Amino acid sequence: MKRRWFPPRGAAAAGLAIVLGCTGWEGPPAGSSPAARAGAVSPPSSLPETKEGDPSREQAVRLFNRAQELIRRGESRAAEALLGEALAAHPGLYPAHQALGEIYEKDGRKREAAAAYRQVLRLKPDHVKSHVALGRLAEEAAQPEAALYHYERAVALDPGAFLPHFRLGLIRRGRQQLDAAVHHLRAAARIEPAHQIARYWLWLSVAERGGADDWEVELGRSLVEGGDETPVRFYQARAAHRFREGKVEEALKAIQKAVDVNPHWREARWRSVLADMERYRRARK
């Protein structure tokens, strides 16, 4: 029986924790297209220009600005009421819809949040942040095709956005589309080099895909140097599995990687790796 290898609990949990809990997503808006930077959920800071002499729009902007102050103070209920007044005065104020979506989402009202984000896209189809939010909602609602749609739109309009690349990489991994997973996870790791979870999933995807030994070892070694010894255990387990299958050369190649990724391989606690290597070498003779 083929033994499955599972990622370390901390890495998997941290990867999944990026997705916020959501339900009730109703699918992508018809005819949408996106752009603008995606980032952490926060009150929008830019507003459409207010045309001079448009009192309803000016009133809406004033109400929106007051709502932002309430959001910063944590008074989301009062902010929600002001945002509703702002939209009653001027329904086209898309940052107010975005802010409402964030309030709804944090409050667990996922269907209302999705509706607010879709309204943003109807008013501003290139709004990357709303595509990312709808991708997150769709993913949590177990609708991967819709999540892919929104994340891919976000990436197309903002190739430098970390989160959609990262989530696309994990979705593609789950489908065993390792070339696509490596592409997006590599982009994510390049955008945020210090993001340990992105680097972990990139290394594992490269290791599972194969065909890039030097890069694979480099990625694995960077993880071990950062305190994650998973690559060493992974290659040791892979070597043992290949050896039991009678594939001695493959076992030797894997156990060599266990040494190559480990700058601490001379320490006594890693004697089992060297013992395995010696055992596989004897079996080759």
C-alpha atoms as a PDB file:
ATOM      1  CA  MET A   1       0.000   0.000   0.000  1.00  0.00           C
ATOM      2  CA  LYS A   2       1.349   3.407  -0.989  1.00  0.00           C
ATOM      3  CA  ARG A   3       1.943   5.536   2.066  1.00  0.00           C
ATOM      4  CA  ARG A   4       0.608   9.065   1.846  1.00  0.00           C
ATOM      5  CA  TRP A   5       2.748  11.902   3.125  1.00  0.00           C
ATOM      6  CA  PHE A   6       1.010  14.767   4.831  1.00  0.00           C
ATOM      7  CA  PRO A   7       2.388  18.314   5.234  1.00  0.00           C
ATOM      8  CA  PRO A   8       3.196  19.548   8.735  1.00  0.00           C
ATOM      9  CA  ARG A   9       0.101  20.577  10.616  1.00  0.00           C
ATOM     10  CA  GLY A  10       1.333  24.110  11.202  1.00  0.00           C
ATOM     11  CA  ALA A  11       2.022  24.804   7.522  1.00  0.00           C
ATOM     12  CA  ALA A  12      -1.281  23.377   6.324  1.00  0.00           C
ATOM     13  CA  ALA A  13      -3.268  25.182   8.978  1.00  0.00           C
ATOM     14  CA  ALA A  14      -1.541  28.464   8.285  1.00  0.00           C
ATOM     15  CA  GLY A  15      -2.248  28.088   4.580  1.00  0.00           C
ATOM     16  CA  LEU A  16      -5.901  27.402   5.173  1.00  0.00           C
ATOM     17  CA  ALA A  17      -6.225  30.189   7.728  1.00  0.00           C
ATOM     18  CA  ILE A  18      -5.748  32.740   4.980  1.00  0.00           C
ATOM     19  CA  VAL A  19      -9.217  31.981   3.675  1.00  0.00           C
ATOM     20  CA  LEU A  20     -11.938  33.702   5.717  1.00  0.00           C
ATOM     21  CA  GLY A  21     -15.069  31.760   6.566  1.00  0.00           C
ATOM     22  CA  CYS A  22     -17.879  32.396   4.071  1.00  0.00           C
ATOM     23  CA  THR A  23     -21.134  30.927   2.728  1.00  0.00           C
ATOM     24  CA  GLY A  24     -23.863  31.729   0.291  1.00  0.00           C
ATOM     25  CA  TRP A  25     -21.768  32.898  -2.677  1.00  0.00           C
ATOM     26  CA  GLU A  26     -23.897  33.191  -5.805  1.00  0.00           C
ATOM     27  CA  GLY A  27     -21.309  33.068  -8.600  1.00  0.00           C
ATOM     28  CA  PRO A  28     -19.379  35.599 -10.707  1.00  0.00           C
ATOM     29  CA  PRO A  29     -21.088  38.670 -12.155  1.00  0.00           C
ATOM     30  CA  ALA A  30     -21.898  38.485 -15.836  1.00  0.00           C
ATOM     31  CA  GLY A  31     -19.513  40.357 -18.107  1.00  0.00           C
ATOM     32  CA  SER A  32     -17.073  41.340 -15.354  1.00  0.00           C
ATOM     33  CA  SER A  33     -13.451  42.390 -15.879  1.00  0.00           C
ATOM     34  CA  PRO A  34     -10.996  43.589 -13.080  1.00  0.00           C
ATOM     35  CA  ALA A  35      -7.918  45.837 -12.025  1.00  0.00           C
ATOM     36  CA  ALA A  36      -6.539  47.747  -8.978  1.00  0.00           C
ATOM     37  CA  ARG A  37      -4.423  46.390  -6.167  1.00  0.00           C
ATOM     38  CA  ALA A  38      -5.600  43.655  -3.849  1.00  0.00           C
ATOM     39  CA  GLY A  39      -4.480  43.575  -0.260  1.00  0.00           C
ATOM     40  CA  ALA A  40      -5.642  43.062   3.281  1.00  0.00           C
ATOM     41  CA  VAL A  41      -9.272  43.910   3.907  1.00  0.00           C
ATOM     42  CA  SER A  42      -9.452  47.505   5.079  1.00  0.00           C
ATOM     43  CA  PRO A  43     -11.650  50.568   4.534  1.00  0.00           C
ATOM     44  CA  PRO A  44     -11.214  51.940   1.004  1.00  0.00           C
ATOM     45  CA  SER A  45      -9.162  55.111   0.940  1.00  0.00           C
ATOM     46  CA  SER A  46      -9.962  56.501  -2.516  1.00  0.00           C
ATOM     47  CA  LEU A  47     -13.246  57.922  -3.707  1.00  0.00           C
ATOM     48  CA  PRO A  48     -14.614  58.832  -7.116  1.00  0.00           C
ATOM     49  CA  GLU A  49     -14.176  62.495  -7.837  1.00  0.00           C
ATOM     50  CA  THR A  50     -17.051  64.633  -6.648  1.00  0.00           C
ATOM     51  CA  LYS A  51     -18.471  66.796  -9.375  1.00  0.00           C
ATOM     52  CA  GLU A  52     -18.879  70.374  -8.296  1.00  0.00           C
ATOM     53  CA  GLY A  53     -22.514  71.302  -7.906  1.00  0.00           C
ATOM     54  CA  ASP A  54     -23.728  67.720  -7.303  1.00  0.00           C
ATOM     55  CA  PRO A  55     -25.135  67.996  -3.772  1.00  0.00           C
ATOM     56  CA  SER A  56     -26.251  64.364  -3.525  1.00  0.00           C
ATOM     57  CA  ARG A  57     -22.767  63.136  -4.388  1.00  0.00           C
ATOM     58  CA  GLU A  58     -21.126  65.598  -2.010  1.00  0.00           C
ATOM     59  CA  GLN A  59     -23.463  64.494   0.757  1.00  0.00           C
ATOM     60  CA  ALA A  60     -22.692  60.843   0.029  1.00  0.00           C
ATOM     61  CA  VAL A  61     -18.949  61.494   0.249  1.00  0.00           C
ATOM     62  CA  ARG A  62     -19.344  63.312   3.558  1.00  0.00           C
ATOM     63  CA  LEU A  63     -21.364  60.405   4.974  1.00  0.00           C
ATOM     64  CA  PHE A  64     -18.821  57.920   3.648  1.00  0.00           C
ATOM     65  CA  ASN A  65     -15.948  59.780   5.319  1.00  0.00           C
ATOM     66  CA  ARG A  66     -17.829  59.821   8.619  1.00  0.00           C
ATOM     67  CA  ALA A  67     -18.452  56.071   8.249  1.00  0.00           C
ATOM     68  CA  GLN A  68     -14.724  55.485   7.732  1.00  0.00           C
ATOM     69  CA  GLU A  69     -13.978  57.178  11.029  1.00  0.00           C
ATOM     70  CA  LEU A  70     -16.525  54.950  12.760  1.00  0.00           C
ATOM     71  CA  ILE A  71     -14.983  51.858  11.154  1.00  0.00           C
ATOM     72  CA  ARG A  72     -11.551  52.892  12.454  1.00  0.00           C
ATOM     73  CA  ARG A  73     -13.090  53.190  15.934  1.00  0.00           C
ATOM     74  CA  GLY A  74     -14.672  49.738  15.646  1.00  0.00           C
ATOM     75  CA  GLU A  75     -18.249  51.040  15.517  1.00  0.00           C
ATOM     76  CA  SER A  76     -19.348  48.926  12.561  1.00  0.00           C
ATOM     77  CA  ARG A  77     -23.091  49.108  13.204  1.00  0.00           C
ATOM     78  CA  ALA A  78     -23.140  52.883  13.180  1.00  0.00           C
ATOM     79  CA  ALA A  79     -20.854  52.869  10.138  1.00  0.00           C
ATOM     80  CA  GLU A  80     -23.221  50.509   8.324  1.00  0.00           C
ATOM     81  CA  ALA A  81     -26.106  52.908   8.884  1.00  0.00           C
ATOM     82  CA  LEU A  82     -24.115  55.864   7.537  1.00  0.00           C
ATOM     83  CA  LEU A  83     -22.988  53.894   4.512  1.00  0.00           C
ATOM     84  CA  GLY A  84     -26.617  53.045   3.806  1.00  0.00           C
ATOM     85  CA  GLU A  85     -27.456  56.758   3.920  1.00  0.00           C
ATOM     86  CA  ALA A  86     -24.526  57.527   1.623  1.00  0.00           C
ATOM     87  CA  LEU A  87     -25.750  55.017  -0.949  1.00  0.00           C
ATOM     88  CA  ALA A  88     -29.298  56.291  -0.695  1.00  0.00           C
ATOM     89  CA  ALA A  89     -27.945  59.718  -1.606  1.00  0.00           C
ATOM     90  CA  HIS A  90     -25.681  58.425  -4.359  1.00  0.00           C
ATOM     91  CA  PRO A  91     -25.947  54.688  -5.295  1.00  0.00           C
ATOM     92  CA  GLY A  92     -22.892  54.877  -7.574  1.00  0.00           C
ATOM     93  CA  LEU A  93     -20.401  55.457  -4.756  1.00  0.00           C
ATOM     94  CA  TYR A  94     -18.611  52.127  -5.157  1.00  0.00           C
ATOM     95  CA  PRO A  95     -16.245  52.464  -2.143  1.00  0.00           C
ATOM     96  CA  ALA A  96     -19.332  52.539   0.077  1.00  0.00           C
ATOM     97  CA  HIS A  97     -20.456  49.198  -1.364  1.00  0.00           C
ATOM     98  CA  GLN A  98     -16.953  47.818  -0.761  1.00  0.00           C
ATOM     99  CA  ALA A  99     -16.951  49.029   2.832  1.00  0.00           C
ATOM    100  CA  LEU A 100     -20.384  47.496   3.412  1.00  0.00           C
ATOM    101  CA  GLY A 101     -19.161  44.192   1.975  1.00  0.00           C
ATOM    102  CA  GLU A 102     -16.298  44.151   4.452  1.00  0.00           C
ATOM    103  CA  ILE A 103     -18.621  44.931   7.356  1.00  0.00           C
ATOM    104  CA  TYR A 104     -21.037  42.199   6.286  1.00  0.00           C
ATOM    105  CA  GLU A 105     -18.243  39.679   5.840  1.00  0.00           C
ATOM    106  CA  LYS A 106     -16.710  40.344   9.235  1.00  0.00           C
ATOM    107  CA  ASP A 107     -20.188  40.035  10.733  1.00  0.00           C
ATOM    108  CA  GLY A 108     -20.730  36.630   9.097  1.00  0.00           C
ATOM    109  CA  ARG A 109     -23.367  37.891   6.651  1.00  0.00           C
ATOM    110  CA  LYS A 110     -21.702  36.289   3.655  1.00  0.00           C
ATOM    111  CA  ARG A 111     -24.560  36.470   1.174  1.00  0.00           C
ATOM    112  CA  GLU A 112     -24.936  40.199   1.766  1.00  0.00           C
ATOM    113  CA  ALA A 113     -21.166  40.624   1.525  1.00  0.00           C
ATOM    114  CA  ALA A 114     -21.057  38.868  -1.846  1.00  0.00           C
ATOM    115  CA  ALA A 115     -23.899  41.043  -3.130  1.00  0.00           C
ATOM    116  CA  ALA A 116     -22.044  44.185  -2.055  1.00  0.00           C
ATOM    117  CA  TYR A 117     -18.805  43.074  -3.756  1.00  0.00           C
ATOM    118  CA  ARG A 118     -20.687  42.212  -6.948  1.00  0.00           C
ATOM    119  CA  GLN A 119     -22.230  45.687  -6.895  1.00  0.00           C
ATOM    120  CA  VAL A 120     -18.724  47.150  -6.716  1.00  0.00           C
ATOM    121  CA  LEU A 121     -17.813  45.203  -9.857  1.00  0.00           C
ATOM    122  CA  ARG A 122     -20.909  46.400 -11.644  1.00  0.00           C
ATOM    123  CA  LEU A 123     -19.805  49.971 -10.942  1.00  0.00           C
ATOM    124  CA  LYS A 124     -16.056  49.393 -11.311  1.00  0.00           C
ATOM    125  CA  PRO A 125     -15.308  46.137 -13.169  1.00  0.00           C
ATOM    126  CA  ASP A 126     -11.542  46.496 -12.669  1.00  0.00           C
ATOM    127  CA  HIS A 127     -11.711  46.456  -8.858  1.00  0.00           C
ATOM    128  CA  VAL A 128      -9.205  43.763  -7.883  1.00  0.00           C
ATOM    129  CA  LYS A 129     -10.015  43.839  -4.182  1.00  0.00           C
ATOM    130  CA  SER A 130     -13.620  42.814  -4.838  1.00  0.00           C
ATOM    131  CA  HIS A 131     -12.521  39.979  -7.123  1.00  0.00           C
ATOM    132  CA  VAL A 132     -10.227  38.693  -4.375  1.00  0.00           C
ATOM    133  CA  ALA A 133     -13.034  38.944  -1.822  1.00  0.00           C
ATOM    134  CA  LEU A 134     -15.456  37.065  -4.080  1.00  0.00           C
ATOM    135  CA  GLY A 135     -12.788  34.432  -4.754  1.00  0.00           C
ATOM    136  CA  ARG A 136     -12.359  33.974  -1.021  1.00  0.00           C
ATOM    137  CA  LEU A 137     -16.117  33.660  -0.499  1.00  0.00           C
ATOM    138  CA  ALA A 138     -16.475  31.198  -3.373  1.00  0.00           C
ATOM    139  CA  GLU A 139     -13.596  29.075  -2.135  1.00  0.00           C
ATOM    140  CA  GLU A 140     -15.055  28.769   1.334  1.00  0.00           C
ATOM    141  CA  ALA A 141     -18.432  27.918  -0.183  1.00  0.00           C
ATOM    142  CA  ALA A 142     -16.757  24.978  -2.019  1.00  0.00           C
ATOM    143  CA  GLN A 143     -17.197  26.552  -5.454  1.00  0.00           C
ATOM    144  CA  PRO A 144     -13.666  26.261  -6.876  1.00  0.00           C
ATOM    145  CA  GLU A 145     -14.563  27.242 -10.444  1.00  0.00           C
ATOM    146  CA  ALA A 146     -15.965  30.551  -9.259  1.00  0.00           C
ATOM    147  CA  ALA A 147     -12.938  31.066  -7.012  1.00  0.00           C
ATOM    148  CA  LEU A 148     -10.607  30.406  -9.944  1.00  0.00           C
ATOM    149  CA  TYR A 149     -12.526  32.885 -12.065  1.00  0.00           C
ATOM    150  CA  HIS A 150     -12.136  35.725  -9.581  1.00  0.00           C
ATOM    151  CA  TYR A 151      -8.536  34.987  -8.593  1.00  0.00           C
ATOM    152  CA  GLU A 152      -7.471  34.702 -12.225  1.00  0.00           C
ATOM    153  CA  ARG A 153      -9.164  37.994 -13.042  1.00  0.00           C
ATOM    154  CA  ALA A 154      -7.361  39.624 -10.122  1.00  0.00           C
ATOM    155  CA  VAL A 155      -3.993  38.263 -11.271  1.00  0.00           C
ATOM    156  CA  ALA A 156      -4.593  39.339 -14.863  1.00  0.00           C
ATOM    157  CA  LEU A 157      -5.161  42.914 -13.734  1.00  0.00           C
ATOM    158  CA  ASP A 158      -2.582  43.014 -10.969  1.00  0.00           C
ATOM    159  CA  PRO A 159       0.247  40.473 -11.486  1.00  0.00           C
ATOM    160  CA  GLY A 160       1.908  41.829  -8.349  1.00  0.00           C
ATOM    161  CA  ALA A 161      -0.915  40.849  -5.990  1.00  0.00           C
ATOM    162  CA  PHE A 162       0.251  38.152  -3.568  1.00  0.00           C
ATOM    163  CA  LEU A 163      -3.003  36.645  -2.322  1.00  0.00           C
ATOM    164  CA  PRO A 164      -4.650  35.608  -5.631  1.00  0.00           C
ATOM    165  CA  HIS A 165      -1.385  34.002  -6.807  1.00  0.00           C
ATOM    166  CA  PHE A 166      -1.104  32.126  -3.506  1.00  0.00           C
ATOM    167  CA  ARG A 167      -4.686  30.889  -3.521  1.00  0.00           C
ATOM    168  CA  LEU A 168      -4.495  29.907  -7.206  1.00  0.00           C
ATOM    169  CA  GLY A 169      -1.388  27.888  -6.407  1.00  0.00           C
ATOM    170  CA  LEU A 170      -3.152  25.980  -3.643  1.00  0.00           C
ATOM    171  CA  ILE A 171      -6.266  25.333  -5.726  1.00  0.00           C
ATOM    172  CA  ARG A 172      -4.164  24.049  -8.623  1.00  0.00           C
ATOM    173  CA  ARG A 173      -2.215  21.846  -6.206  1.00  0.00           C
ATOM    174  CA  GLY A 174      -5.461  20.343  -4.988  1.00  0.00           C
ATOM    175  CA  ARG A 175      -6.243  19.415  -8.579  1.00  0.00           C
ATOM    176  CA  GLN A 176      -2.779  17.960  -9.129  1.00  0.00           C
ATOM    177  CA  GLN A 177      -2.073  20.628 -11.754  1.00  0.00           C
ATOM    178  CA  LEU A 178       1.465  20.988 -10.506  1.00  0.00           C
ATOM    179  CA  ASP A 179       2.896  23.083 -13.339  1.00  0.00           C
ATOM    180  CA  ALA A 180       0.208  25.726 -12.784  1.00  0.00           C
ATOM    181  CA  ALA A 181       0.630  25.428  -8.999  1.00  0.00           C
ATOM    182  CA  VAL A 182       4.379  26.011  -9.264  1.00  0.00           C
ATOM    183  CA  HIS A 183       3.810  29.001 -11.548  1.00  0.00           C
ATOM    184  CA  HIS A 184       1.510  30.780  -9.107  1.00  0.00           C
ATOM    185  CA  LEU A 185       3.321  29.794  -5.926  1.00  0.00           C
ATOM    186  CA  ARG A 186       6.612  30.928  -7.425  1.00  0.00           C
ATOM    187  CA  ALA A 187       5.021  34.286  -8.215  1.00  0.00           C
ATOM    188  CA  ALA A 188       3.649  34.510  -4.668  1.00  0.00           C
ATOM    189  CA  ALA A 189       7.048  33.704  -3.154  1.00  0.00           C
ATOM    190  CA  ARG A 190       8.717  36.263  -5.402  1.00  0.00           C
ATOM    191  CA  ILE A 191       6.208  38.956  -4.344  1.00  0.00           C
ATOM    192  CA  GLU A 192       6.615  38.152  -0.633  1.00  0.00           C
ATOM    193  CA  PRO A 193       9.971  36.362  -0.178  1.00  0.00           C
ATOM    194  CA  ALA A 194       9.582  36.185   3.596  1.00  0.00           C
ATOM    195  CA  HIS A 195       6.253  34.355   3.424  1.00  0.00           C
ATOM    196  CA  GLN A 196       7.229  30.967   4.859  1.00  0.00           C
ATOM    197  CA  ILE A 197       3.968  29.228   3.976  1.00  0.00           C
ATOM    198  CA  ALA A 198       4.164  30.217   0.305  1.00  0.00           C
ATOM    199  CA  ARG A 199       7.762  28.986   0.164  1.00  0.00           C
ATOM    200  CA  TYR A 200       6.774  25.717   1.823  1.00  0.00           C
ATOM    201  CA  TRP A 201       4.010  24.953  -0.683  1.00  0.00           C
ATOM    202  CA  LEU A 202       6.260  26.004  -3.559  1.00  0.00           C
ATOM    203  CA  TRP A 203       8.986  23.604  -2.420  1.00  0.00           C
ATOM    204  CA  LEU A 204       6.523  20.737  -1.961  1.00  0.00           C
ATOM    205  CA  SER A 205       4.947  21.331  -5.373  1.00  0.00           C
ATOM    206  CA  VAL A 206       8.367  21.329  -7.037  1.00  0.00           C
ATOM    207  CA  ALA A 207       9.352  18.178  -5.127  1.00  0.00           C
ATOM    208  CA  GLU A 208       6.160  16.375  -6.145  1.00  0.00           C
ATOM    209  CA  ARG A 209       6.409  17.519  -9.756  1.00  0.00           C
ATOM    210  CA  GLY A 210      10.104  16.700 -10.153  1.00  0.00           C
ATOM    211  CA  GLY A 211      12.410  17.824 -12.917  1.00  0.00           C
ATOM    212  CA  ALA A 212      14.207  20.670 -11.130  1.00  0.00           C
ATOM    213  CA  ASP A 213      16.583  19.028  -8.658  1.00  0.00           C
ATOM    214  CA  ASP A 214      18.902  21.973  -7.972  1.00  0.00           C
ATOM    215  CA  TRP A 215      16.053  24.427  -7.464  1.00  0.00           C
ATOM    216  CA  GLU A 216      14.151  21.897  -5.379  1.00  0.00           C
ATOM    217  CA  VAL A 217      17.127  21.448  -3.059  1.00  0.00           C
ATOM    218  CA  GLU A 218      17.654  25.196  -2.849  1.00  0.00           C
ATOM    219  CA  LEU A 219      14.027  25.731  -1.837  1.00  0.00           C
ATOM    220  CA  GLY A 220      14.140  22.899   0.678  1.00  0.00           C
ATOM    221  CA  ARG A 221      17.367  24.116   2.214  1.00  0.00           C
ATOM    222  CA  SER A 222      15.969  27.633   2.657  1.00  0.00           C
ATOM    223  CA  LEU A 223      13.083  26.122   4.640  1.00  0.00           C
ATOM    224  CA  VAL A 224      15.402  24.080   6.854  1.00  0.00           C
ATOM    225  CA  GLU A 225      17.598  27.116   7.458  1.00  0.00           C
ATOM    226  CA  GLY A 226      14.427  28.931   8.512  1.00  0.00           C
ATOM    227  CA  GLY A 227      13.672  26.245  11.124  1.00  0.00           C
ATOM    228  CA  ASP A 228      11.322  23.927   9.193  1.00  0.00           C
ATOM    229  CA  GLU A 229      12.891  20.471   9.042  1.00  0.00           C
ATOM    230  CA  THR A 230      10.031  18.965   7.041  1.00  0.00           C
ATOM    231  CA  PRO A 231      12.104  18.627   3.823  1.00  0.00           C
ATOM    232  CA  VAL A 232      14.626  16.367   5.593  1.00  0.00           C
ATOM    233  CA  ARG A 233      11.888  14.048   6.892  1.00  0.00           C
ATOM    234  CA  PHE A 234      10.110  14.147   3.542  1.00  0.00           C
ATOM    235  CA  TYR A 235      13.159  12.949   1.593  1.00  0.00           C
ATOM    236  CA  GLN A 236      14.049  10.359   4.209  1.00  0.00           C
ATOM    237  CA  ALA A 237      10.519   8.939   4.019  1.00  0.00           C
ATOM    238  CA  ARG A 238      10.582   9.027   0.214  1.00  0.00           C
ATOM    239  CA  ALA A 239      13.917   7.175   0.190  1.00  0.00           C
ATOM    240  CA  ALA A 240      12.569   4.466   2.505  1.00  0.00           C
ATOM    241  CA  HIS A 241       9.504   4.059   0.309  1.00  0.00           C
ATOM    242  CA  ARG A 242      11.593   3.734  -2.867  1.00  0.00           C
ATOM    243  CA  PHE A 243      13.874   1.227  -1.155  1.00  0.00           C
ATOM    244  CA  ARG A 244      10.946  -0.973  -0.119  1.00  0.00           C
ATOM    245  CA  GLU A 245       9.818  -0.924  -3.756  1.00  0.00           C
ATOM    246  CA  GLY A 246      13.245  -2.228  -4.780  1.00  0.00           C
ATOM    247  CA  LYS A 247      14.221   1.081  -6.447  1.00  0.00           C
ATOM    248  CA  VAL A 248      17.625   1.420  -4.848  1.00  0.00           C
ATOM    249  CA  GLU A 249      18.972   4.159  -7.120  1.00  0.00           C
ATOM    250  CA  GLU A 250      15.912   6.307  -6.514  1.00  0.00           C
ATOM    251  CA  ALA A 251      16.237   5.679  -2.785  1.00  0.00           C
ATOM    252  CA  LEU A 252      19.843   6.868  -2.900  1.00  0.00           C
ATOM    253  CA  LYS A 253      18.883   9.971  -4.837  1.00  0.00           C
ATOM    254  CA  ALA A 254      16.192  10.838  -2.291  1.00  0.00           C
ATOM    255  CA  ILE A 255      18.396  10.231   0.756  1.00  0.00           C
ATOM    256  CA  GLN A 256      21.088  12.397  -0.806  1.00  0.00           C
ATOM    257  CA  LYS A 257      18.549  15.219  -1.002  1.00  0.00           C
ATOM    258  CA  ALA A 258      17.807  14.687   2.707  1.00  0.00           C
ATOM    259  CA  VAL A 259      21.472  15.521   3.310  1.00  0.00           C
ATOM    260  CA  ASP A 260      21.700  18.301   0.732  1.00  0.00           C
ATOM    261  CA  VAL A 261      18.772  20.295   2.151  1.00  0.00           C
ATOM    262  CA  ASN A 262      20.057  19.968   5.714  1.00  0.00           C
ATOM    263  CA  PRO A 263      22.881  22.259   6.826  1.00  0.00           C
ATOM    264  CA  HIS A 264      22.888  20.388  10.173  1.00  0.00           C
ATOM    265  CA  TRP A 265      23.296  16.887   8.747  1.00  0.00           C
ATOM    266  CA  ARG A 266      26.455  16.236  10.789  1.00  0.00           C
ATOM    267  CA  GLU A 267      24.573  16.551  14.084  1.00  0.00           C
ATOM    268  CA  ALA A 268      24.005  13.367  16.053  1.00  0.00           C
ATOM    269  CA  ARG A 269      20.217  13.570  15.786  1.00  0.00           C
ATOM    270  CA  TRP A 270      20.489  13.050  12.013  1.00  0.00           C
ATOM    271  CA  ARG A 271      22.523   9.833  12.219  1.00  0.00           C
ATOM    272  CA  SER A 272      19.520   7.879  10.966  1.00  0.00           C
ATOM    273  CA  VAL A 273      19.751   9.689   7.607  1.00  0.00           C
ATOM    274  CA  LEU A 274      23.416   8.706   7.194  1.00  0.00           C
ATOM    275  CA  ALA A 275      22.647   5.167   8.356  1.00  0.00           C
ATOM    276  CA  ASP A 276      19.919   4.882   5.713  1.00  0.00           C
ATOM    277  CA  MET A 277      22.296   6.154   3.061  1.00  0.00           C
ATOM    278  CA  GLU A 278      24.892   3.558   3.985  1.00  0.00           C
ATOM    279  CA  ARG A 279      22.266   0.796   3.957  1.00  0.00           C
ATOM    280  CA  TYR A 280      21.074   1.769   0.485  1.00  0.00           C
ATOM    281  CA  ARG A 281      24.654   1.930  -0.790  1.00  0.00           C
ATOM    282  CA  ARG A 282      25.369  -1.576   0.473  1.00  0.00           C
ATOM    283  CA  ALA A 283      22.207  -2.832  -1.237  1.00  0.00           C
ATOM    284  CA  ARG A 284      23.377  -1.395  -4.554  1.00  0.00           C
ATOM    285  CA  LYS A 285      26.532  -3.526  -4.575  1.00  0.00           C
END
